[in-house]
Amino acid sequence: MNRLACLLVLIVVAMLTGCSVSVIHPPSASAFMEKSEDAFLTDVSFSAYWGENLNKENGLYVAEGVKEVERSERWKEDWYYVDMEWLVQYQGSLQKNIGHFKYGFGIDFATPYVQAGFVSDYLGVMGWSNLCLWQLEKVEHAYFQWGGGISLIEQLPIGDNFRIGLTQHLSRNARESIMAQHGGALPRDFDRAAPVFYDEIGGGAYVSFIPFEKTRVGIEFRYGRDLTYKYVESKSGDGDVVRDINRYSLIVSFISR
């Protein structure tokens, strides 16, 4: 119960201080597949991201075919995103089983989320959702800040300690960016955080093992294809080049009972 109390305190703090940006990504699959019926298990995960449109120097988050978004009265002017996607992030969660049903609470950077689903030795179905449905500064999707998704997990245990798995996911992710106005202040002078939501489909694979007595380590690779945006790159003399946005991530999880 002490772990649950600590997590609830963190969730309350994050909801009060960190919800101005609704960062959310798929949680660790290897942690979700670890059973824990007697007590809550603890997962701490560190993720590295790379791919299209990540921290390009002086780059803009330019897109084609952007879905309609809601804008508050304050931000009716034309605006765009200055690319500032974080390369490294972290998640933390507490999870517990009731038979084959599993539920948990976590934090993705400063965004609280819940997760629930089905877990067996060979198959898992994980759903998750953030808890920040509002925004202190409403820029994109002014009235609804939802991010979450569902993941299908297939797992093969090898011996007592070693496991391999495959994942497929469909999600609505969110990352932080900086918003600037056309014809307004320069991006470096316009420091206003705003969430960028995008739909993603993808898959991955993981291995997990127990190097210590009560701690399992999971290493997961994940690929995602952005279904909302396409990256537009201007080529001098060649016109614009439109590319799909592909993101890759490597997640290292430390899971303990």
C-alpha atoms as a PDB file:
ATOM      1  CA  MET A   1       0.000   0.000   0.000  1.00  0.00           C
ATOM      2  CA  ASN A   2       2.926   2.345   0.568  1.00  0.00           C
ATOM      3  CA  ARG A   3       3.782   2.163  -3.125  1.00  0.00           C
ATOM      4  CA  LEU A   4       0.181   2.880  -4.082  1.00  0.00           C
ATOM      5  CA  ALA A   5       0.037   5.868  -1.725  1.00  0.00           C
ATOM      6  CA  CYS A   6       3.262   7.271  -3.185  1.00  0.00           C
ATOM      7  CA  LEU A   7       1.953   6.897  -6.746  1.00  0.00           C
ATOM      8  CA  LEU A   8      -1.350   8.573  -5.879  1.00  0.00           C
ATOM      9  CA  VAL A   9       0.585  11.508  -4.438  1.00  0.00           C
ATOM     10  CA  LEU A  10       2.669  11.728  -7.631  1.00  0.00           C
ATOM     11  CA  ILE A  11      -0.466  11.617  -9.774  1.00  0.00           C
ATOM     12  CA  VAL A  12      -2.074  14.452  -7.822  1.00  0.00           C
ATOM     13  CA  VAL A  13       1.094  16.550  -8.069  1.00  0.00           C
ATOM     14  CA  ALA A  14       1.378  15.886 -11.811  1.00  0.00           C
ATOM     15  CA  MET A  15      -2.281  16.759 -12.382  1.00  0.00           C
ATOM     16  CA  LEU A  16      -1.777  20.070 -10.579  1.00  0.00           C
ATOM     17  CA  THR A  17       1.575  21.037 -12.069  1.00  0.00           C
ATOM     18  CA  GLY A  18       2.317  19.029 -15.212  1.00  0.00           C
ATOM     19  CA  CYS A  19      -0.851  18.909 -17.251  1.00  0.00           C
ATOM     20  CA  SER A  20      -0.078  21.930 -19.364  1.00  0.00           C
ATOM     21  CA  VAL A  21       1.560  19.425 -21.708  1.00  0.00           C
ATOM     22  CA  SER A  22      -0.134  16.049 -22.209  1.00  0.00           C
ATOM     23  CA  VAL A  23       2.830  13.841 -23.113  1.00  0.00           C
ATOM     24  CA  ILE A  24       1.709  10.218 -23.649  1.00  0.00           C
ATOM     25  CA  HIS A  25       3.200   7.145 -25.383  1.00  0.00           C
ATOM     26  CA  PRO A  26       2.482   3.395 -25.238  1.00  0.00           C
ATOM     27  CA  PRO A  27       3.614   1.961 -21.868  1.00  0.00           C
ATOM     28  CA  SER A  28       6.137  -0.850 -21.546  1.00  0.00           C
ATOM     29  CA  ALA A  29       4.806  -4.161 -22.890  1.00  0.00           C
ATOM     30  CA  SER A  30       7.305  -6.293 -20.962  1.00  0.00           C
ATOM     31  CA  ALA A  31       6.226  -4.680 -17.683  1.00  0.00           C
ATOM     32  CA  PHE A  32       2.553  -5.224 -18.456  1.00  0.00           C
ATOM     33  CA  MET A  33       3.134  -8.947 -19.094  1.00  0.00           C
ATOM     34  CA  GLU A  34       4.745  -9.437 -15.666  1.00  0.00           C
ATOM     35  CA  LYS A  35       2.162 -10.916 -13.280  1.00  0.00           C
ATOM     36  CA  SER A  36       1.771  -9.661  -9.735  1.00  0.00           C
ATOM     37  CA  GLU A  37      -1.264 -10.849  -7.761  1.00  0.00           C
ATOM     38  CA  ASP A  38       0.065 -10.559  -4.192  1.00  0.00           C
ATOM     39  CA  ALA A  39       1.304  -6.966  -4.345  1.00  0.00           C
ATOM     40  CA  PHE A  40       1.807  -4.075  -6.732  1.00  0.00           C
ATOM     41  CA  LEU A  41       4.845  -4.327  -8.956  1.00  0.00           C
ATOM     42  CA  THR A  42       6.880  -1.246  -9.774  1.00  0.00           C
ATOM     43  CA  ASP A  43       8.067  -0.360 -13.281  1.00  0.00           C
ATOM     44  CA  VAL A  44      10.509   2.404 -14.189  1.00  0.00           C
ATOM     45  CA  SER A  45      11.191   2.784 -17.917  1.00  0.00           C
ATOM     46  CA  PHE A  46      13.580   4.979 -19.891  1.00  0.00           C
ATOM     47  CA  SER A  47      12.957   5.572 -23.599  1.00  0.00           C
ATOM     48  CA  ALA A  48      15.092   6.909 -26.437  1.00  0.00           C
ATOM     49  CA  TYR A  49      13.368   8.195 -29.608  1.00  0.00           C
ATOM     50  CA  TRP A  50      14.638   8.826 -33.113  1.00  0.00           C
ATOM     51  CA  GLY A  51      13.321   9.042 -36.668  1.00  0.00           C
ATOM     52  CA  GLU A  52      11.665  11.673 -38.867  1.00  0.00           C
ATOM     53  CA  ASN A  53      11.212  15.225 -37.651  1.00  0.00           C
ATOM     54  CA  LEU A  54      13.178  14.839 -34.427  1.00  0.00           C
ATOM     55  CA  ASN A  55      15.138  17.871 -33.224  1.00  0.00           C
ATOM     56  CA  LYS A  56      16.065  19.168 -36.652  1.00  0.00           C
ATOM     57  CA  GLU A  57      18.070  22.344 -36.233  1.00  0.00           C
ATOM     58  CA  ASN A  58      15.937  25.379 -37.101  1.00  0.00           C
ATOM     59  CA  GLY A  59      13.298  22.979 -38.437  1.00  0.00           C
ATOM     60  CA  LEU A  60       9.560  23.565 -38.294  1.00  0.00           C
ATOM     61  CA  TYR A  61       6.845  21.060 -37.596  1.00  0.00           C
ATOM     62  CA  VAL A  62       5.355  21.391 -41.072  1.00  0.00           C
ATOM     63  CA  ALA A  63       2.662  19.027 -42.201  1.00  0.00           C
ATOM     64  CA  GLU A  64       0.337  18.269 -45.087  1.00  0.00           C
ATOM     65  CA  GLY A  65      -3.239  17.114 -44.662  1.00  0.00           C
ATOM     66  CA  VAL A  66      -3.397  18.090 -41.013  1.00  0.00           C
ATOM     67  CA  LYS A  67      -6.641  17.091 -39.317  1.00  0.00           C
ATOM     68  CA  GLU A  68      -8.979  19.864 -38.253  1.00  0.00           C
ATOM     69  CA  VAL A  69      -8.069  21.224 -34.849  1.00  0.00           C
ATOM     70  CA  GLU A  70      -9.869  23.458 -32.412  1.00  0.00           C
ATOM     71  CA  ARG A  71      -8.261  26.738 -31.414  1.00  0.00           C
ATOM     72  CA  SER A  72      -9.239  28.987 -28.571  1.00  0.00           C
ATOM     73  CA  GLU A  73     -10.263  32.588 -29.224  1.00  0.00           C
ATOM     74  CA  ARG A  74      -6.853  33.734 -28.040  1.00  0.00           C
ATOM     75  CA  TRP A  75      -5.030  31.842 -30.787  1.00  0.00           C
ATOM     76  CA  LYS A  76      -7.067  32.503 -33.919  1.00  0.00           C
ATOM     77  CA  GLU A  77      -3.996  33.720 -35.785  1.00  0.00           C
ATOM     78  CA  ASP A  78      -1.942  31.397 -37.968  1.00  0.00           C
ATOM     79  CA  TRP A  79       0.534  29.395 -35.924  1.00  0.00           C
ATOM     80  CA  TYR A  80       2.929  26.528 -36.366  1.00  0.00           C
ATOM     81  CA  TYR A  81       5.070  24.188 -34.273  1.00  0.00           C
ATOM     82  CA  VAL A  82       8.759  24.678 -33.746  1.00  0.00           C
ATOM     83  CA  ASP A  83      10.240  21.197 -33.724  1.00  0.00           C
ATOM     84  CA  MET A  84      11.470  20.267 -30.263  1.00  0.00           C
ATOM     85  CA  GLU A  85      10.692  16.605 -29.730  1.00  0.00           C
ATOM     86  CA  TRP A  86      12.473  15.140 -26.733  1.00  0.00           C
ATOM     87  CA  LEU A  87      14.984  12.396 -27.479  1.00  0.00           C
ATOM     88  CA  VAL A  88      14.867  10.791 -24.024  1.00  0.00           C
ATOM     89  CA  GLN A  89      11.862  10.336 -21.724  1.00  0.00           C
ATOM     90  CA  TYR A  90      10.793   8.213 -18.779  1.00  0.00           C
ATOM     91  CA  GLN A  91       7.721   6.455 -17.415  1.00  0.00           C
ATOM     92  CA  GLY A  92       6.880   4.991 -14.025  1.00  0.00           C
ATOM     93  CA  SER A  93       3.966   2.810 -12.969  1.00  0.00           C
ATOM     94  CA  LEU A  94       2.426   0.524 -10.340  1.00  0.00           C
ATOM     95  CA  GLN A  95       0.520  -2.521 -11.611  1.00  0.00           C
ATOM     96  CA  LYS A  96      -1.458  -5.395 -10.102  1.00  0.00           C
ATOM     97  CA  ASN A  97      -3.284  -8.527 -11.245  1.00  0.00           C
ATOM     98  CA  ILE A  98      -6.700  -9.829 -10.291  1.00  0.00           C
ATOM     99  CA  GLY A  99      -6.631 -13.204 -11.996  1.00  0.00           C
ATOM    100  CA  HIS A 100      -6.027 -12.524 -15.701  1.00  0.00           C
ATOM    101  CA  PHE A 101      -7.221  -8.914 -15.373  1.00  0.00           C
ATOM    102  CA  LYS A 102      -4.535  -6.324 -14.785  1.00  0.00           C
ATOM    103  CA  TYR A 103      -4.727  -2.648 -13.904  1.00  0.00           C
ATOM    104  CA  GLY A 104      -2.209   0.039 -13.117  1.00  0.00           C
ATOM    105  CA  PHE A 105      -1.445   3.724 -12.656  1.00  0.00           C
ATOM    106  CA  GLY A 106       1.529   5.565 -14.051  1.00  0.00           C
ATOM    107  CA  ILE A 107       3.209   8.789 -15.097  1.00  0.00           C
ATOM    108  CA  ASP A 108       4.613   9.485 -18.570  1.00  0.00           C
ATOM    109  CA  PHE A 109       7.086  12.297 -17.901  1.00  0.00           C
ATOM    110  CA  ALA A 110       4.615  14.558 -15.988  1.00  0.00           C
ATOM    111  CA  THR A 111       1.355  13.180 -17.387  1.00  0.00           C
ATOM    112  CA  PRO A 112      -0.642  10.710 -15.238  1.00  0.00           C
ATOM    113  CA  TYR A 113      -2.271   7.759 -16.983  1.00  0.00           C
ATOM    114  CA  VAL A 114      -4.189   4.563 -16.237  1.00  0.00           C
ATOM    115  CA  GLN A 115      -3.847   1.181 -17.902  1.00  0.00           C
ATOM    116  CA  ALA A 116      -5.838  -2.042 -17.832  1.00  0.00           C
ATOM    117  CA  GLY A 117      -6.248  -5.234 -19.790  1.00  0.00           C
ATOM    118  CA  PHE A 118      -5.852  -8.993 -20.042  1.00  0.00           C
ATOM    119  CA  VAL A 119      -2.662 -10.911 -19.215  1.00  0.00           C
ATOM    120  CA  SER A 120      -1.805 -14.599 -19.597  1.00  0.00           C
ATOM    121  CA  ASP A 121       1.478 -16.464 -20.042  1.00  0.00           C
ATOM    122  CA  TYR A 122       1.314 -16.134 -23.834  1.00  0.00           C
ATOM    123  CA  LEU A 123      -1.080 -13.303 -24.690  1.00  0.00           C
ATOM    124  CA  GLY A 124      -1.840  -9.815 -23.419  1.00  0.00           C
ATOM    125  CA  VAL A 125      -4.191  -6.994 -24.398  1.00  0.00           C
ATOM    126  CA  MET A 126      -3.209  -3.623 -22.897  1.00  0.00           C
ATOM    127  CA  GLY A 127      -5.213  -0.413 -23.003  1.00  0.00           C
ATOM    128  CA  TRP A 128      -4.131   2.940 -21.585  1.00  0.00           C
ATOM    129  CA  SER A 129      -5.364   6.517 -21.312  1.00  0.00           C
ATOM    130  CA  ASN A 130      -4.018   9.772 -19.949  1.00  0.00           C
ATOM    131  CA  LEU A 131      -5.817  11.702 -17.217  1.00  0.00           C
ATOM    132  CA  CYS A 132      -5.107  15.204 -18.537  1.00  0.00           C
ATOM    133  CA  LEU A 133      -8.255  15.956 -20.480  1.00  0.00           C
ATOM    134  CA  TRP A 134      -7.875  19.695 -20.047  1.00  0.00           C
ATOM    135  CA  GLN A 135      -5.219  22.237 -20.943  1.00  0.00           C
ATOM    136  CA  LEU A 136      -4.153  25.372 -19.106  1.00  0.00           C
ATOM    137  CA  GLU A 137      -3.201  27.010 -22.416  1.00  0.00           C
ATOM    138  CA  LYS A 138      -5.597  25.705 -25.060  1.00  0.00           C
ATOM    139  CA  VAL A 139      -3.921  25.742 -28.461  1.00  0.00           C
ATOM    140  CA  GLU A 140      -4.625  22.531 -30.344  1.00  0.00           C
ATOM    141  CA  HIS A 141      -7.708  20.418 -29.568  1.00  0.00           C
ATOM    142  CA  ALA A 142      -8.814  23.128 -27.187  1.00  0.00           C
ATOM    143  CA  TYR A 143     -11.474  21.160 -25.342  1.00  0.00           C
ATOM    144  CA  PHE A 144     -10.206  17.592 -25.411  1.00  0.00           C
ATOM    145  CA  GLN A 145      -6.673  16.503 -24.539  1.00  0.00           C
ATOM    146  CA  TRP A 146      -7.112  12.714 -24.747  1.00  0.00           C
ATOM    147  CA  GLY A 147      -4.238  10.394 -25.574  1.00  0.00           C
ATOM    148  CA  GLY A 148      -4.163   6.615 -25.239  1.00  0.00           C
ATOM    149  CA  GLY A 149      -4.489   3.415 -27.192  1.00  0.00           C
ATOM    150  CA  ILE A 150      -4.514  -0.359 -27.272  1.00  0.00           C
ATOM    151  CA  SER A 151      -1.755  -2.912 -27.768  1.00  0.00           C
ATOM    152  CA  LEU A 152      -1.801  -6.647 -28.547  1.00  0.00           C
ATOM    153  CA  ILE A 153       1.118  -8.584 -27.035  1.00  0.00           C
ATOM    154  CA  GLU A 154       2.261 -12.127 -27.873  1.00  0.00           C
ATOM    155  CA  GLN A 155       4.810 -13.653 -25.497  1.00  0.00           C
ATOM    156  CA  LEU A 156       6.919 -16.813 -25.470  1.00  0.00           C
ATOM    157  CA  PRO A 157       8.515 -17.833 -22.149  1.00  0.00           C
ATOM    158  CA  ILE A 158      11.866 -19.616 -22.497  1.00  0.00           C
ATOM    159  CA  GLY A 159      12.785 -21.326 -19.251  1.00  0.00           C
ATOM    160  CA  ASP A 160      11.951 -19.721 -15.933  1.00  0.00           C
ATOM    161  CA  ASN A 161      13.515 -16.308 -16.454  1.00  0.00           C
ATOM    162  CA  PHE A 162      13.818 -15.436 -20.144  1.00  0.00           C
ATOM    163  CA  ARG A 163      10.925 -14.185 -22.308  1.00  0.00           C
ATOM    164  CA  ILE A 164      10.542 -12.824 -25.819  1.00  0.00           C
ATOM    165  CA  GLY A 165       7.530 -11.006 -27.170  1.00  0.00           C
ATOM    166  CA  LEU A 166       5.960  -9.230 -30.138  1.00  0.00           C
ATOM    167  CA  THR A 167       3.671  -6.187 -29.961  1.00  0.00           C
ATOM    168  CA  GLN A 168       1.248  -4.357 -32.218  1.00  0.00           C
ATOM    169  CA  HIS A 169      -0.348  -1.067 -31.212  1.00  0.00           C
ATOM    170  CA  LEU A 170      -2.806   1.577 -32.353  1.00  0.00           C
ATOM    171  CA  SER A 171      -2.554   4.760 -30.329  1.00  0.00           C
ATOM    172  CA  ARG A 172      -3.053   8.492 -30.095  1.00  0.00           C
ATOM    173  CA  ASN A 173       0.247   9.823 -28.807  1.00  0.00           C
ATOM    174  CA  ALA A 174       1.211  13.293 -27.691  1.00  0.00           C
ATOM    175  CA  ARG A 175       4.558  15.027 -27.510  1.00  0.00           C
ATOM    176  CA  GLU A 176       5.621  18.478 -26.393  1.00  0.00           C
ATOM    177  CA  SER A 177       6.520  21.196 -28.846  1.00  0.00           C
ATOM    178  CA  ILE A 178       6.894  24.966 -28.862  1.00  0.00           C
ATOM    179  CA  MET A 179       4.231  27.045 -30.591  1.00  0.00           C
ATOM    180  CA  ALA A 180       5.027  30.190 -32.593  1.00  0.00           C
ATOM    181  CA  GLN A 181       2.947  32.574 -34.703  1.00  0.00           C
ATOM    182  CA  HIS A 182       3.514  33.474 -38.340  1.00  0.00           C
ATOM    183  CA  GLY A 183       4.544  37.095 -38.534  1.00  0.00           C
ATOM    184  CA  GLY A 184       4.891  37.256 -34.769  1.00  0.00           C
ATOM    185  CA  ALA A 185       7.765  36.795 -32.402  1.00  0.00           C
ATOM    186  CA  LEU A 186      10.756  34.737 -33.413  1.00  0.00           C
ATOM    187  CA  PRO A 187      10.542  31.093 -32.251  1.00  0.00           C
ATOM    188  CA  ARG A 188      13.402  31.558 -29.805  1.00  0.00           C
ATOM    189  CA  ASP A 189      11.489  34.466 -28.234  1.00  0.00           C
ATOM    190  CA  PHE A 190       8.160  32.670 -28.146  1.00  0.00           C
ATOM    191  CA  ASP A 191       8.515  30.028 -25.476  1.00  0.00           C
ATOM    192  CA  ARG A 192       5.047  28.511 -25.132  1.00  0.00           C
ATOM    193  CA  ALA A 193       4.673  24.755 -24.713  1.00  0.00           C
ATOM    194  CA  ALA A 194       1.878  23.022 -26.597  1.00  0.00           C
ATOM    195  CA  PRO A 195       0.991  19.343 -27.122  1.00  0.00           C
ATOM    196  CA  VAL A 196       1.146  17.801 -30.581  1.00  0.00           C
ATOM    197  CA  PHE A 197      -1.298  14.884 -30.835  1.00  0.00           C
ATOM    198  CA  TYR A 198      -0.926  12.304 -33.587  1.00  0.00           C
ATOM    199  CA  ASP A 199      -2.399   8.900 -34.392  1.00  0.00           C
ATOM    200  CA  GLU A 200       0.094   6.071 -34.736  1.00  0.00           C
ATOM    201  CA  ILE A 201       0.098   2.438 -35.815  1.00  0.00           C
ATOM    202  CA  GLY A 202       3.095   0.233 -35.233  1.00  0.00           C
ATOM    203  CA  GLY A 203       4.692  -2.797 -33.698  1.00  0.00           C
ATOM    204  CA  GLY A 204       7.769  -4.026 -31.956  1.00  0.00           C
ATOM    205  CA  ALA A 205       9.554  -6.772 -30.074  1.00  0.00           C
ATOM    206  CA  TYR A 206      11.046  -7.207 -26.625  1.00  0.00           C
ATOM    207  CA  VAL A 207      13.126  -9.515 -24.478  1.00  0.00           C
ATOM    208  CA  SER A 208      13.006  -9.666 -20.693  1.00  0.00           C
ATOM    209  CA  PHE A 209      15.143 -11.490 -18.162  1.00  0.00           C
ATOM    210  CA  ILE A 210      15.993 -11.487 -14.458  1.00  0.00           C
ATOM    211  CA  PRO A 211      19.599 -10.418 -13.791  1.00  0.00           C
ATOM    212  CA  PHE A 212      18.847  -9.804 -10.105  1.00  0.00           C
ATOM    213  CA  GLU A 213      16.813 -11.727  -7.574  1.00  0.00           C
ATOM    214  CA  LYS A 214      13.657  -9.586  -7.598  1.00  0.00           C
ATOM    215  CA  THR A 215      14.172  -7.309 -10.599  1.00  0.00           C
ATOM    216  CA  ARG A 216      13.285  -8.078 -14.207  1.00  0.00           C
ATOM    217  CA  VAL A 217      14.803  -6.055 -17.036  1.00  0.00           C
ATOM    218  CA  GLY A 218      12.895  -5.559 -20.273  1.00  0.00           C
ATOM    219  CA  ILE A 219      14.427  -4.246 -23.505  1.00  0.00           C
ATOM    220  CA  GLU A 220      11.869  -3.278 -26.142  1.00  0.00           C
ATOM    221  CA  PHE A 221      12.195  -1.907 -29.666  1.00  0.00           C
ATOM    222  CA  ARG A 222       9.157  -0.167 -31.142  1.00  0.00           C
ATOM    223  CA  TYR A 223       8.328   1.256 -34.571  1.00  0.00           C
ATOM    224  CA  GLY A 224       5.463   3.679 -35.248  1.00  0.00           C
ATOM    225  CA  ARG A 225       4.023   5.196 -38.429  1.00  0.00           C
ATOM    226  CA  ASP A 226       2.401   8.623 -37.992  1.00  0.00           C
ATOM    227  CA  LEU A 227      -1.135   8.533 -39.441  1.00  0.00           C
ATOM    228  CA  THR A 228      -1.915  12.206 -38.819  1.00  0.00           C
ATOM    229  CA  TYR A 229       0.992  14.198 -40.234  1.00  0.00           C
ATOM    230  CA  LYS A 230       3.388  14.043 -43.159  1.00  0.00           C
ATOM    231  CA  TYR A 231       6.692  15.853 -43.158  1.00  0.00           C
ATOM    232  CA  VAL A 232       7.233  18.422 -45.914  1.00  0.00           C
ATOM    233  CA  GLU A 233      10.839  19.284 -46.764  1.00  0.00           C
ATOM    234  CA  SER A 234      11.619  22.091 -49.173  1.00  0.00           C
ATOM    235  CA  LYS A 235      14.329  21.266 -51.713  1.00  0.00           C
ATOM    236  CA  SER A 236      15.927  24.177 -53.529  1.00  0.00           C
ATOM    237  CA  GLY A 237      15.033  23.885 -57.209  1.00  0.00           C
ATOM    238  CA  ASP A 238      13.310  20.530 -56.741  1.00  0.00           C
ATOM    239  CA  GLY A 239      10.088  21.633 -55.064  1.00  0.00           C
ATOM    240  CA  ASP A 240       8.730  20.155 -51.856  1.00  0.00           C
ATOM    241  CA  VAL A 241       9.385  16.567 -50.857  1.00  0.00           C
ATOM    242  CA  VAL A 242       6.633  14.921 -48.790  1.00  0.00           C
ATOM    243  CA  ARG A 243       7.649  12.036 -46.548  1.00  0.00           C
ATOM    244  CA  ASP A 244       5.918   9.763 -44.099  1.00  0.00           C
ATOM    245  CA  ILE A 245       6.905  10.322 -40.502  1.00  0.00           C
ATOM    246  CA  ASN A 246       8.408   7.192 -38.963  1.00  0.00           C
ATOM    247  CA  ARG A 247       9.420   7.072 -35.316  1.00  0.00           C
ATOM    248  CA  TYR A 248      11.525   4.486 -33.517  1.00  0.00           C
ATOM    249  CA  SER A 249      12.027   3.962 -29.817  1.00  0.00           C
ATOM    250  CA  LEU A 250      14.118   1.823 -27.519  1.00  0.00           C
ATOM    251  CA  ILE A 251      12.653   1.241 -24.048  1.00  0.00           C
ATOM    252  CA  VAL A 252      14.582  -0.186 -21.099  1.00  0.00           C
ATOM    253  CA  SER A 253      12.356  -1.177 -18.171  1.00  0.00           C
ATOM    254  CA  PHE A 254      13.216  -2.153 -14.616  1.00  0.00           C
ATOM    255  CA  ILE A 255      10.399  -4.174 -13.066  1.00  0.00           C
ATOM    256  CA  SER A 256      10.390  -5.166  -9.403  1.00  0.00           C
ATOM    257  CA  ARG A 257       7.901  -6.698  -6.982  1.00  0.00           C
END
